[in-house]
Amino acid sequence: MLQQLRNLNVDRIDLDEAIALEAYGGMVRDRYIARQLPIPEWIEDALRLLGKEILSRRSEMLEKRRRELRARLEAEMTASERKAKLRKELDEVETQLAKI
């Protein structure tokens, strides 16, 4: 696991591995701190990269779920509800155009 953390390539790991590596890296960093040793730069870099990657993947998951929920809502709308929504959106666009 240490080698995987040192040679980190976030494109080759799944979310579970990213979380496990972040946890492991945090423990390694904490051991350096407990031993009052300087933390190697590669550990900090790997943890920073893993944090960004996990956040990015979580964001992608939430965006996907939002699209699914919006699609389901659209499917449940009646024709008159869809028309009302479109009219409201058209009014908003026309209001914005009038301000230009």
Foldseek 3Di string as FASTA:
>chain_A
DVVCLLVPDPVPDDLVVLVVSLVVLVVVQVVCVVVVHDDDPSSVVSNVVSVVSNVVVVVVVVVVVVVVVVVVVVVPDDPVRVVVVVVVVVVVVVVVVVVD
